[in-house]
């Protein structure tokens, strides 16, 4: 693959506030585009 596109929404990924997606993204060796379906104005510490 040349590019990865991630659909992000709080609640669909595992761990606290979907934190399990981060190790996956950090291990990617191709560019990443993320589509944010939720952007919180006052996020919690972990969400931010």
ModelCIF file with pLDDT and N, C-alpha, C, O atoms, coordinates in Angstrom:
data_MODEL
#
_entry.id   MODEL 
#
_entity.id                         1 
_entity.type                       polymer 
_entity.pdbx_number_of_molecules   1 
#
_entity_poly.entity_id                      1 
_entity_poly.type                           'polypeptide(L)' 
_entity_poly.nstd_linkage                   no 
_entity_poly.nstd_monomer                   no 
_entity_poly.pdbx_seq_one_letter_code       
;(UNK)(UNK)(UNK)(UNK)(UNK)(UNK)(UNK)(UNK)(UNK)(UNK)(UNK)(UNK)(UNK)(UNK)(UNK)(UNK)
(UNK)(UNK)(UNK)(UNK)(UNK)(UNK)(UNK)(UNK)(UNK)(UNK)(UNK)(UNK)(UNK)(UNK)(UNK)(UNK)
(UNK)(UNK)(UNK)(UNK)(UNK)(UNK)(UNK)(UNK)(UNK)(UNK)(UNK)(UNK)(UNK)(UNK)(UNK)(UNK)
;
_entity_poly.pdbx_seq_one_letter_code_can   XXXXXXXXXXXXXXXXXXXXXXXXXXXXXXXXXXXXXXXXXXXXXXXX 
_entity_poly.pdbx_strand_id                 A 
#
loop_
_entity_poly_seq.entity_id 
_entity_poly_seq.num 
_entity_poly_seq.mon_id 
_entity_poly_seq.hetero 
1 1  UNK n 
1 2  UNK n 
1 3  UNK n 
1 4  UNK n 
1 5  UNK n 
1 6  UNK n 
1 7  UNK n 
1 8  UNK n 
1 9  UNK n 
1 10 UNK n 
1 11 UNK n 
1 12 UNK n 
1 13 UNK n 
1 14 UNK n 
1 15 UNK n 
1 16 UNK n 
1 17 UNK n 
1 18 UNK n 
1 19 UNK n 
1 20 UNK n 
1 21 UNK n 
1 22 UNK n 
1 23 UNK n 
1 24 UNK n 
1 25 UNK n 
1 26 UNK n 
1 27 UNK n 
1 28 UNK n 
1 29 UNK n 
1 30 UNK n 
1 31 UNK n 
1 32 UNK n 
1 33 UNK n 
1 34 UNK n 
1 35 UNK n 
1 36 UNK n 
1 37 UNK n 
1 38 UNK n 
1 39 UNK n 
1 40 UNK n 
1 41 UNK n 
1 42 UNK n 
1 43 UNK n 
1 44 UNK n 
1 45 UNK n 
1 46 UNK n 
1 47 UNK n 
1 48 UNK n 
#
_struct_asym.id          A 
_struct_asym.entity_id   1 
#
loop_
_ma_qa_metric.id 
_ma_qa_metric.mode 
_ma_qa_metric.name 
_ma_qa_metric.software_group_id 
_ma_qa_metric.type 
1 global pLDDT . pLDDT 
2 local  pLDDT . pLDDT 
#
_ma_qa_metric_global.metric_id      1 
_ma_qa_metric_global.metric_value   91.71 
_ma_qa_metric_global.model_id       1 
_ma_qa_metric_global.ordinal_id     1 
#
loop_
_ma_qa_metric_local.label_asym_id 
_ma_qa_metric_local.label_comp_id 
_ma_qa_metric_local.label_seq_id 
_ma_qa_metric_local.metric_id 
_ma_qa_metric_local.metric_value 
_ma_qa_metric_local.model_id 
_ma_qa_metric_local.ordinal_id 
A UNK 1  2 96.00 1 1  
A UNK 2  2 95.00 1 2  
A UNK 3  2 97.00 1 3  
A UNK 4  2 97.00 1 4  
A UNK 5  2 98.00 1 5  
A UNK 6  2 98.00 1 6  
A UNK 7  2 97.00 1 7  
A UNK 8  2 96.00 1 8  
A UNK 9  2 93.00 1 9  
A UNK 10 2 88.00 1 10 
A UNK 11 2 87.00 1 11 
A UNK 12 2 93.00 1 12 
A UNK 13 2 93.00 1 13 
A UNK 14 2 89.00 1 14 
A UNK 15 2 84.00 1 15 
A UNK 16 2 82.00 1 16 
A UNK 17 2 88.00 1 17 
A UNK 18 2 89.00 1 18 
A UNK 19 2 87.00 1 19 
A UNK 20 2 87.00 1 20 
A UNK 21 2 92.00 1 21 
A UNK 22 2 89.00 1 22 
A UNK 23 2 85.00 1 23 
A UNK 24 2 92.00 1 24 
A UNK 25 2 93.00 1 25 
A UNK 26 2 87.00 1 26 
A UNK 27 2 88.00 1 27 
A UNK 28 2 94.00 1 28 
A UNK 29 2 94.00 1 29 
A UNK 30 2 96.00 1 30 
A UNK 31 2 96.00 1 31 
A UNK 32 2 97.00 1 32 
A UNK 33 2 97.00 1 33 
A UNK 34 2 98.00 1 34 
A UNK 35 2 97.00 1 35 
A UNK 36 2 97.00 1 36 
A UNK 37 2 95.00 1 37 
A UNK 38 2 93.00 1 38 
A UNK 39 2 94.00 1 39 
A UNK 40 2 92.00 1 40 
A UNK 41 2 92.00 1 41 
A UNK 42 2 91.00 1 42 
A UNK 43 2 91.00 1 43 
A UNK 44 2 86.00 1 44 
A UNK 45 2 81.00 1 45 
A UNK 46 2 82.00 1 46 
A UNK 47 2 89.00 1 47 
A UNK 48 2 90.00 1 48 
#
loop_
_atom_site.group_PDB 
_atom_site.id 
_atom_site.type_symbol 
_atom_site.label_atom_id 
_atom_site.label_alt_id 
_atom_site.label_comp_id 
_atom_site.label_asym_id 
_atom_site.label_entity_id 
_atom_site.label_seq_id 
_atom_site.pdbx_PDB_ins_code 
_atom_site.Cartn_x 
_atom_site.Cartn_y 
_atom_site.Cartn_z 
_atom_site.occupancy 
_atom_site.B_iso_or_equiv 
_atom_site.pdbx_formal_charge 
_atom_site.auth_seq_id 
_atom_site.auth_comp_id 
_atom_site.auth_asym_id 
_atom_site.auth_atom_id 
_atom_site.pdbx_PDB_model_num 
ATOM 1   N N  . UNK A 1 1  ? 0.840   -1.199 0.000  1.00 96.00 ? 1  UNK A N  1 
ATOM 2   C CA . UNK A 1 1  ? 0.000   0.000  0.000  1.00 96.00 ? 1  UNK A CA 1 
ATOM 3   C C  . UNK A 1 1  ? 0.876   1.250  0.000  1.00 96.00 ? 1  UNK A C  1 
ATOM 4   O O  . UNK A 1 1  ? 1.960   1.262  0.583  1.00 96.00 ? 1  UNK A O  1 
ATOM 5   N N  . UNK A 1 2  ? 0.392   2.297  -0.660 1.00 95.00 ? 2  UNK A N  1 
ATOM 6   C CA . UNK A 1 2  ? 1.118   3.567  -0.734 1.00 95.00 ? 2  UNK A CA 1 
ATOM 7   C C  . UNK A 1 2  ? 0.671   4.554  0.332  1.00 95.00 ? 2  UNK A C  1 
ATOM 8   O O  . UNK A 1 2  ? 1.453   5.395  0.776  1.00 95.00 ? 2  UNK A O  1 
ATOM 9   N N  . UNK A 1 3  ? -0.592  4.450  0.744  1.00 97.00 ? 3  UNK A N  1 
ATOM 10  C CA . UNK A 1 3  ? -1.177  5.376  1.710  1.00 97.00 ? 3  UNK A CA 1 
ATOM 11  C C  . UNK A 1 3  ? -2.169  4.603  2.574  1.00 97.00 ? 3  UNK A C  1 
ATOM 12  O O  . UNK A 1 3  ? -2.793  3.645  2.119  1.00 97.00 ? 3  UNK A O  1 
ATOM 13  N N  . UNK A 1 4  ? -2.305  5.037  3.838  1.00 97.00 ? 4  UNK A N  1 
ATOM 14  C CA . UNK A 1 4  ? -3.323  4.472  4.732  1.00 97.00 ? 4  UNK A CA 1 
ATOM 15  C C  . UNK A 1 4  ? -4.308  5.581  5.086  1.00 97.00 ? 4  UNK A C  1 
ATOM 16  O O  . UNK A 1 4  ? -3.902  6.699  5.404  1.00 97.00 ? 4  UNK A O  1 
ATOM 17  N N  . UNK A 1 5  ? -5.604  5.271  5.031  1.00 98.00 ? 5  UNK A N  1 
ATOM 18  C CA . UNK A 1 5  ? -6.648  6.220  5.439  1.00 98.00 ? 5  UNK A CA 1 
ATOM 19  C C  . UNK A 1 5  ? -7.374  5.633  6.646  1.00 98.00 ? 5  UNK A C  1 
ATOM 20  O O  . UNK A 1 5  ? -7.940  4.542  6.574  1.00 98.00 ? 5  UNK A O  1 
ATOM 21  N N  . UNK A 1 6  ? -7.350  6.363  7.741  1.00 98.00 ? 6  UNK A N  1 
ATOM 22  C CA . UNK A 1 6  ? -7.989  5.929  8.992  1.00 98.00 ? 6  UNK A CA 1 
ATOM 23  C C  . UNK A 1 6  ? -9.263  6.722  9.223  1.00 98.00 ? 6  UNK A C  1 
ATOM 24  O O  . UNK A 1 6  ? -9.263  7.949  9.124  1.00 98.00 ? 6  UNK A O  1 
ATOM 25  N N  . UNK A 1 7  ? -10.348 6.026  9.530  1.00 97.00 ? 7  UNK A N  1 
ATOM 26  C CA . UNK A 1 7  ? -11.586 6.678  9.962  1.00 97.00 ? 7  UNK A CA 1 
ATOM 27  C C  . UNK A 1 7  ? -11.601 6.671  11.485 1.00 97.00 ? 7  UNK A C  1 
ATOM 28  O O  . UNK A 1 7  ? -11.662 5.611  12.108 1.00 97.00 ? 7  UNK A O  1 
ATOM 29  N N  . UNK A 1 8  ? -11.546 7.861  12.081 1.00 96.00 ? 8  UNK A N  1 
ATOM 30  C CA . UNK A 1 8  ? -11.445 7.930  13.545 1.00 96.00 ? 8  UNK A CA 1 
ATOM 31  C C  . UNK A 1 8  ? -12.725 8.437  14.175 1.00 96.00 ? 8  UNK A C  1 
ATOM 32  O O  . UNK A 1 8  ? -13.297 9.449  13.769 1.00 96.00 ? 8  UNK A O  1 
ATOM 33  N N  . UNK A 1 9  ? -13.148 7.700  15.177 1.00 93.00 ? 9  UNK A N  1 
ATOM 34  C CA . UNK A 1 9  ? -14.267 8.087  16.030 1.00 93.00 ? 9  UNK A CA 1 
ATOM 35  C C  . UNK A 1 9  ? -14.003 7.526  17.415 1.00 93.00 ? 9  UNK A C  1 
ATOM 36  O O  . UNK A 1 9  ? -13.650 6.353  17.543 1.00 93.00 ? 9  UNK A O  1 
ATOM 37  N N  . UNK A 1 10 ? -14.164 8.331  18.451 1.00 88.00 ? 10 UNK A N  1 
ATOM 38  C CA . UNK A 1 10 ? -14.010 7.809  19.809 1.00 88.00 ? 10 UNK A CA 1 
ATOM 39  C C  . UNK A 1 10 ? -15.035 6.698  20.026 1.00 88.00 ? 10 UNK A C  1 
ATOM 40  O O  . UNK A 1 10 ? -16.215 6.863  19.715 1.00 88.00 ? 10 UNK A O  1 
ATOM 41  N N  . UNK A 1 11 ? -14.585 5.587  20.553 1.00 87.00 ? 11 UNK A N  1 
ATOM 42  C CA . UNK A 1 11 ? -15.501 4.496  20.863 1.00 87.00 ? 11 UNK A CA 1 
ATOM 43  C C  . UNK A 1 11 ? -15.364 3.290  19.970 1.00 87.00 ? 11 UNK A C  1 
ATOM 44  O O  . UNK A 1 11 ? -15.841 2.214  20.331 1.00 87.00 ? 11 UNK A O  1 
ATOM 45  N N  . UNK A 1 12 ? -14.725 3.424  18.804 1.00 93.00 ? 12 UNK A N  1 
ATOM 46  C CA . UNK A 1 12 ? -14.634 2.249  17.936 1.00 93.00 ? 12 UNK A CA 1 
ATOM 47  C C  . UNK A 1 12 ? -13.302 1.528  18.079 1.00 93.00 ? 12 UNK A C  1 
ATOM 48  O O  . UNK A 1 12 ? -13.161 0.400  17.607 1.00 93.00 ? 12 UNK A O  1 
ATOM 49  N N  . UNK A 1 13 ? -12.318 2.160  18.722 1.00 93.00 ? 13 UNK A N  1 
ATOM 50  C CA . UNK A 1 13 ? -11.029 1.508  18.942 1.00 93.00 ? 13 UNK A CA 1 
ATOM 51  C C  . UNK A 1 13 ? -10.885 1.133  20.416 1.00 93.00 ? 13 UNK A C  1 
ATOM 52  O O  . UNK A 1 13 ? -11.535 1.721  21.280 1.00 93.00 ? 13 UNK A O  1 
ATOM 53  N N  . UNK A 1 14 ? -10.041 0.162  20.692 1.00 89.00 ? 14 UNK A N  1 
ATOM 54  C CA . UNK A 1 14 ? -9.909  -0.371 22.040 1.00 89.00 ? 14 UNK A CA 1 
ATOM 55  C C  . UNK A 1 14 ? -9.068  0.491  22.958 1.00 89.00 ? 14 UNK A C  1 
ATOM 56  O O  . UNK A 1 14 ? -8.417  1.441  22.522 1.00 89.00 ? 14 UNK A O  1 
ATOM 57  N N  . UNK A 1 15 ? -9.091  0.143  24.244 1.00 84.00 ? 15 UNK A N  1 
ATOM 58  C CA . UNK A 1 15 ? -8.327  0.869  25.239 1.00 84.00 ? 15 UNK A CA 1 
ATOM 59  C C  . UNK A 1 15 ? -9.016  2.160  25.637 1.00 84.00 ? 15 UNK A C  1 
ATOM 60  O O  . UNK A 1 15 ? -10.068 2.524  25.113 1.00 84.00 ? 15 UNK A O  1 
ATOM 61  N N  . UNK A 1 16 ? -8.386  2.835  26.579 1.00 82.00 ? 16 UNK A N  1 
ATOM 62  C CA . UNK A 1 16 ? -8.945  4.075  27.107 1.00 82.00 ? 16 UNK A CA 1 
ATOM 63  C C  . UNK A 1 16 ? -9.001  5.142  26.013 1.00 82.00 ? 16 UNK A C  1 
ATOM 64  O O  . UNK A 1 16 ? -7.970  5.576  25.500 1.00 82.00 ? 16 UNK A O  1 
ATOM 65  N N  . UNK A 1 17 ? -10.236 5.561  25.662 1.00 88.00 ? 17 UNK A N  1 
ATOM 66  C CA . UNK A 1 17 ? -10.443 6.575  24.614 1.00 88.00 ? 17 UNK A CA 1 
ATOM 67  C C  . UNK A 1 17 ? -9.790  6.178  23.289 1.00 88.00 ? 17 UNK A C  1 
ATOM 68  O O  . UNK A 1 17 ? -9.292  7.028  22.550 1.00 88.00 ? 17 UNK A O  1 
ATOM 69  N N  . UNK A 1 18 ? -9.801  4.866  23.000 1.00 89.00 ? 18 UNK A N  1 
ATOM 70  C CA . UNK A 1 18 ? -9.304  4.389  21.714 1.00 89.00 ? 18 UNK A CA 1 
ATOM 71  C C  . UNK A 1 18 ? -7.806  4.423  21.559 1.00 89.00 ? 18 UNK A C  1 
ATOM 72  O O  . UNK A 1 18 ? -7.295  4.550  20.446 1.00 89.00 ? 18 UNK A O  1 
ATOM 73  N N  . UNK A 1 19 ? -7.092  4.310  22.667 1.00 87.00 ? 19 UNK A N  1 
ATOM 74  C CA . UNK A 1 19 ? -5.633  4.485  22.646 1.00 87.00 ? 19 UNK A CA 1 
ATOM 75  C C  . UNK A 1 19 ? -4.912  3.356  21.909 1.00 87.00 ? 19 UNK A C  1 
ATOM 76  O O  . UNK A 1 19 ? -3.760  3.527  21.508 1.00 87.00 ? 19 UNK A O  1 
ATOM 77  N N  . UNK A 1 20 ? -5.568  2.204  21.723 1.00 87.00 ? 20 UNK A N  1 
ATOM 78  C CA . UNK A 1 20 ? -4.908  1.073  21.061 1.00 87.00 ? 20 UNK A CA 1 
ATOM 79  C C  . UNK A 1 20 ? -4.556  1.367  19.605 1.00 87.00 ? 20 UNK A C  1 
ATOM 80  O O  . UNK A 1 20 ? -3.708  0.689  19.025 1.00 87.00 ? 20 UNK A O  1 
ATOM 81  N N  . UNK A 1 21 ? -5.195  2.366  19.014 1.00 92.00 ? 21 UNK A N  1 
ATOM 82  C CA . UNK A 1 21 ? -4.882  2.653  17.611 1.00 92.00 ? 21 UNK A CA 1 
ATOM 83  C C  . UNK A 1 21 ? -3.505  3.289  17.471 1.00 92.00 ? 21 UNK A C  1 
ATOM 84  O O  . UNK A 1 21 ? -2.911  3.226  16.394 1.00 92.00 ? 21 UNK A O  1 
ATOM 85  N N  . UNK A 1 22 ? -2.982  3.902  18.536 1.00 89.00 ? 22 UNK A N  1 
ATOM 86  C CA . UNK A 1 22 ? -1.720  4.640  18.415 1.00 89.00 ? 22 UNK A CA 1 
ATOM 87  C C  . UNK A 1 22 ? -0.524  3.735  18.100 1.00 89.00 ? 22 UNK A C  1 
ATOM 88  O O  . UNK A 1 22 ? 0.250   4.071  17.203 1.00 89.00 ? 22 UNK A O  1 
ATOM 89  N N  . UNK A 1 23 ? -0.335  2.600  18.795 1.00 85.00 ? 23 UNK A N  1 
ATOM 90  C CA . UNK A 1 23 ? 0.803   1.749  18.419 1.00 85.00 ? 23 UNK A CA 1 
ATOM 91  C C  . UNK A 1 23 ? 0.738   1.274  16.974 1.00 85.00 ? 23 UNK A C  1 
ATOM 92  O O  . UNK A 1 23 ? 1.774   1.130  16.325 1.00 85.00 ? 23 UNK A O  1 
ATOM 93  N N  . UNK A 1 24 ? -0.462  1.030  16.463 1.00 92.00 ? 24 UNK A N  1 
ATOM 94  C CA . UNK A 1 24 ? -0.596  0.646  15.054 1.00 92.00 ? 24 UNK A CA 1 
ATOM 95  C C  . UNK A 1 24 ? -0.102  1.782  14.160 1.00 92.00 ? 24 UNK A C  1 
ATOM 96  O O  . UNK A 1 24 ? 0.699   1.559  13.252 1.00 92.00 ? 24 UNK A O  1 
ATOM 97  N N  . UNK A 1 25 ? -0.578  2.994  14.417 1.00 93.00 ? 25 UNK A N  1 
ATOM 98  C CA . UNK A 1 25 ? -0.222  4.120  13.553 1.00 93.00 ? 25 UNK A CA 1 
ATOM 99  C C  . UNK A 1 25 ? 1.264   4.411  13.602 1.00 93.00 ? 25 UNK A C  1 
ATOM 100 O O  . UNK A 1 25 ? 1.860   4.769  12.586 1.00 93.00 ? 25 UNK A O  1 
ATOM 101 N N  . UNK A 1 26 ? 1.869   4.263  14.770 1.00 87.00 ? 26 UNK A N  1 
ATOM 102 C CA . UNK A 1 26 ? 3.295   4.542  14.882 1.00 87.00 ? 26 UNK A CA 1 
ATOM 103 C C  . UNK A 1 26 ? 4.154   3.514  14.158 1.00 87.00 ? 26 UNK A C  1 
ATOM 104 O O  . UNK A 1 26 ? 5.301   3.792  13.807 1.00 87.00 ? 26 UNK A O  1 
ATOM 105 N N  . UNK A 1 27 ? 3.603   2.335  13.938 1.00 88.00 ? 27 UNK A N  1 
ATOM 106 C CA . UNK A 1 27 ? 4.374   1.294  13.254 1.00 88.00 ? 27 UNK A CA 1 
ATOM 107 C C  . UNK A 1 27 ? 4.204   1.350  11.732 1.00 88.00 ? 27 UNK A C  1 
ATOM 108 O O  . UNK A 1 27 ? 4.883   0.619  11.011 1.00 88.00 ? 27 UNK A O  1 
ATOM 109 N N  . UNK A 1 28 ? 3.315   2.200  11.240 1.00 94.00 ? 28 UNK A N  1 
ATOM 110 C CA . UNK A 1 28 ? 3.117   2.290  9.793  1.00 94.00 ? 28 UNK A CA 1 
ATOM 111 C C  . UNK A 1 28 ? 4.368   2.840  9.110  1.00 94.00 ? 28 UNK A C  1 
ATOM 112 O O  . UNK A 1 28 ? 5.021   3.757  9.607  1.00 94.00 ? 28 UNK A O  1 
ATOM 113 N N  . UNK A 1 29 ? 4.675   2.257  7.967  1.00 94.00 ? 29 UNK A N  1 
ATOM 114 C CA . UNK A 1 29 ? 5.818   2.717  7.178  1.00 94.00 ? 29 UNK A CA 1 
ATOM 115 C C  . UNK A 1 29 ? 5.368   3.389  5.885  1.00 94.00 ? 29 UNK A C  1 
ATOM 116 O O  . UNK A 1 29 ? 6.137   3.540  4.936  1.00 94.00 ? 29 UNK A O  1 
ATOM 117 N N  . UNK A 1 30 ? 4.096   3.786  5.881  1.00 96.00 ? 30 UNK A N  1 
ATOM 118 C CA . UNK A 1 30 ? 3.554   4.527  4.744  1.00 96.00 ? 30 UNK A CA 1 
ATOM 119 C C  . UNK A 1 30 ? 2.834   5.760  5.288  1.00 96.00 ? 30 UNK A C  1 
ATOM 120 O O  . UNK A 1 30 ? 2.479   5.788  6.466  1.00 96.00 ? 30 UNK A O  1 
ATOM 121 N N  . UNK A 1 31 ? 2.611   6.787  4.450  1.00 96.00 ? 31 UNK A N  1 
ATOM 122 C CA . UNK A 1 31 ? 1.929   7.992  4.927  1.00 96.00 ? 31 UNK A CA 1 
ATOM 123 C C  . UNK A 1 31 ? 0.502   7.703  5.387  1.00 96.00 ? 31 UNK A C  1 
ATOM 124 O O  . UNK A 1 31 ? -0.135  6.754  4.930  1.00 96.00 ? 31 UNK A O  1 
ATOM 125 N N  . UNK A 1 32 ? 0.022   8.535  6.295  1.00 97.00 ? 32 UNK A N  1 
ATOM 126 C CA . UNK A 1 32 ? -1.294  8.351  6.909  1.00 97.00 ? 32 UNK A CA 1 
ATOM 127 C C  . UNK A 1 32 ? -2.175  9.576  6.675  1.00 97.00 ? 32 UNK A C  1 
ATOM 128 O O  . UNK A 1 32 ? -1.740  10.714 6.851  1.00 97.00 ? 32 UNK A O  1 
ATOM 129 N N  . UNK A 1 33 ? -3.411  9.323  6.278  1.00 97.00 ? 33 UNK A N  1 
ATOM 130 C CA . UNK A 1 33 ? -4.468  10.333 6.260  1.00 97.00 ? 33 UNK A CA 1 
ATOM 131 C C  . UNK A 1 33 ? -5.508  9.892  7.281  1.00 97.00 ? 33 UNK A C  1 
ATOM 132 O O  . UNK A 1 33 ? -5.914  8.730  7.279  1.00 97.00 ? 33 UNK A O  1 
ATOM 133 N N  . UNK A 1 34 ? -5.940  10.784 8.142  1.00 98.00 ? 34 UNK A N  1 
ATOM 134 C CA . UNK A 1 34 ? -6.974  10.436 9.108  1.00 98.00 ? 34 UNK A CA 1 
ATOM 135 C C  . UNK A 1 34 ? -8.188  11.330 8.887  1.00 98.00 ? 34 UNK A C  1 
ATOM 136 O O  . UNK A 1 34 ? -8.062  12.549 8.767  1.00 98.00 ? 34 UNK A O  1 
ATOM 137 N N  . UNK A 1 35 ? -9.358  10.714 8.834  1.00 97.00 ? 35 UNK A N  1 
ATOM 138 C CA . UNK A 1 35 ? -10.619 11.451 8.778  1.00 97.00 ? 35 UNK A CA 1 
ATOM 139 C C  . UNK A 1 35 ? -11.207 11.467 10.190 1.00 97.00 ? 35 UNK A C  1 
ATOM 140 O O  . UNK A 1 35 ? -11.462 10.416 10.778 1.00 97.00 ? 35 UNK A O  1 
ATOM 141 N N  . UNK A 1 36 ? -11.417 12.659 10.720 1.00 97.00 ? 36 UNK A N  1 
ATOM 142 C CA . UNK A 1 36 ? -11.950 12.801 12.077 1.00 97.00 ? 36 UNK A CA 1 
ATOM 143 C C  . UNK A 1 36 ? -13.455 12.998 12.006 1.00 97.00 ? 36 UNK A C  1 
ATOM 144 O O  . UNK A 1 36 ? -13.941 13.989 11.461 1.00 97.00 ? 36 UNK A O  1 
ATOM 145 N N  . UNK A 1 37 ? -14.186 12.039 12.564 1.00 95.00 ? 37 UNK A N  1 
ATOM 146 C CA . UNK A 1 37 ? -15.646 12.135 12.574 1.00 95.00 ? 37 UNK A CA 1 
ATOM 147 C C  . UNK A 1 37 ? -16.157 12.844 13.820 1.00 95.00 ? 37 UNK A C  1 
ATOM 148 O O  . UNK A 1 37 ? -17.322 13.238 13.880 1.00 95.00 ? 37 UNK A O  1 
ATOM 149 N N  . UNK A 1 38 ? -15.300 13.005 14.804 1.00 93.00 ? 38 UNK A N  1 
ATOM 150 C CA . UNK A 1 38 ? -15.636 13.778 16.003 1.00 93.00 ? 38 UNK A CA 1 
ATOM 151 C C  . UNK A 1 38 ? -14.424 14.617 16.384 1.00 93.00 ? 38 UNK A C  1 
ATOM 152 O O  . UNK A 1 38 ? -13.302 14.114 16.434 1.00 93.00 ? 38 UNK A O  1 
ATOM 153 N N  . UNK A 1 39 ? -14.656 15.895 16.652 1.00 94.00 ? 39 UNK A N  1 
ATOM 154 C CA . UNK A 1 39 ? -13.625 16.770 17.203 1.00 94.00 ? 39 UNK A CA 1 
ATOM 155 C C  . UNK A 1 39 ? -14.244 17.442 18.426 1.00 94.00 ? 39 UNK A C  1 
ATOM 156 O O  . UNK A 1 39 ? -15.197 18.211 18.301 1.00 94.00 ? 39 UNK A O  1 
ATOM 157 N N  . UNK A 1 40 ? -13.705 17.152 19.599 1.00 92.00 ? 40 UNK A N  1 
ATOM 158 C CA . UNK A 1 40 ? -14.288 17.644 20.842 1.00 92.00 ? 40 UNK A CA 1 
ATOM 159 C C  . UNK A 1 40 ? -13.716 19.005 21.211 1.00 92.00 ? 40 UNK A C  1 
ATOM 160 O O  . UNK A 1 40 ? -12.505 19.218 21.160 1.00 92.00 ? 40 UNK A O  1 
ATOM 161 N N  . UNK A 1 41 ? -14.599 19.919 21.583 1.00 92.00 ? 41 UNK A N  1 
ATOM 162 C CA . UNK A 1 41 ? -14.161 21.260 21.966 1.00 92.00 ? 41 UNK A CA 1 
ATOM 163 C C  . UNK A 1 41 ? -13.540 21.262 23.346 1.00 92.00 ? 41 UNK A C  1 
ATOM 164 O O  . UNK A 1 41 ? -12.585 21.998 23.594 1.00 92.00 ? 41 UNK A O  1 
ATOM 165 N N  . UNK A 1 42 ? -14.072 20.442 24.256 1.00 91.00 ? 42 UNK A N  1 
ATOM 166 C CA . UNK A 1 42 ? -13.526 20.345 25.615 1.00 91.00 ? 42 UNK A CA 1 
ATOM 167 C C  . UNK A 1 42 ? -13.216 18.878 25.919 1.00 91.00 ? 42 UNK A C  1 
ATOM 168 O O  . UNK A 1 42 ? -13.931 18.241 26.693 1.00 91.00 ? 42 UNK A O  1 
ATOM 169 N N  . UNK A 1 43 ? -12.152 18.339 25.313 1.00 91.00 ? 43 UNK A N  1 
ATOM 170 C CA . UNK A 1 43 ? -11.825 16.922 25.516 1.00 91.00 ? 43 UNK A CA 1 
ATOM 171 C C  . UNK A 1 43 ? -11.295 16.671 26.918 1.00 91.00 ? 43 UNK A C  1 
ATOM 172 O O  . UNK A 1 43 ? -10.790 17.578 27.579 1.00 91.00 ? 43 UNK A O  1 
ATOM 173 N N  . UNK A 1 44 ? -11.419 15.429 27.359 1.00 86.00 ? 44 UNK A N  1 
ATOM 174 C CA . UNK A 1 44 ? -10.755 15.023 28.594 1.00 86.00 ? 44 UNK A CA 1 
ATOM 175 C C  . UNK A 1 44 ? -9.251  14.974 28.339 1.00 86.00 ? 44 UNK A C  1 
ATOM 176 O O  . UNK A 1 44 ? -8.795  15.095 27.202 1.00 86.00 ? 44 UNK A O  1 
ATOM 177 N N  . UNK A 1 45 ? -8.499  14.796 29.403 1.00 81.00 ? 45 UNK A N  1 
ATOM 178 C CA . UNK A 1 45 ? -7.034  14.706 29.280 1.00 81.00 ? 45 UNK A CA 1 
ATOM 179 C C  . UNK A 1 45 ? -6.648  13.611 28.288 1.00 81.00 ? 45 UNK A C  1 
ATOM 180 O O  . UNK A 1 45 ? -5.839  13.842 27.390 1.00 81.00 ? 45 UNK A O  1 
ATOM 181 N N  . UNK A 1 46 ? -7.229  12.416 28.451 1.00 82.00 ? 46 UNK A N  1 
ATOM 182 C CA . UNK A 1 46 ? -6.859  11.295 27.589 1.00 82.00 ? 46 UNK A CA 1 
ATOM 183 C C  . UNK A 1 46 ? -7.345  11.490 26.165 1.00 82.00 ? 46 UNK A C  1 
ATOM 184 O O  . UNK A 1 46 ? -6.638  11.158 25.213 1.00 82.00 ? 46 UNK A O  1 
ATOM 185 N N  . UNK A 1 47 ? -8.552  12.028 26.012 1.00 89.00 ? 47 UNK A N  1 
ATOM 186 C CA . UNK A 1 47 ? -9.065  12.263 24.665 1.00 89.00 ? 47 UNK A CA 1 
ATOM 187 C C  . UNK A 1 47 ? -8.174  13.239 23.906 1.00 89.00 ? 47 UNK A C  1 
ATOM 188 O O  . UNK A 1 47 ? -7.878  13.035 22.729 1.00 89.00 ? 47 UNK A O  1 
ATOM 189 N N  . UNK A 1 48 ? -7.753  14.284 24.578 1.00 90.00 ? 48 UNK A N  1 
ATOM 190 C CA . UNK A 1 48 ? -6.885  15.257 23.927 1.00 90.00 ? 48 UNK A CA 1 
ATOM 191 C C  . UNK A 1 48 ? -5.532  14.644 23.597 1.00 90.00 ? 48 UNK A C  1 
ATOM 192 O O  . UNK A 1 48 ? -4.666  15.321 23.042 1.00 90.00 ? 48 UNK A O  1 
#
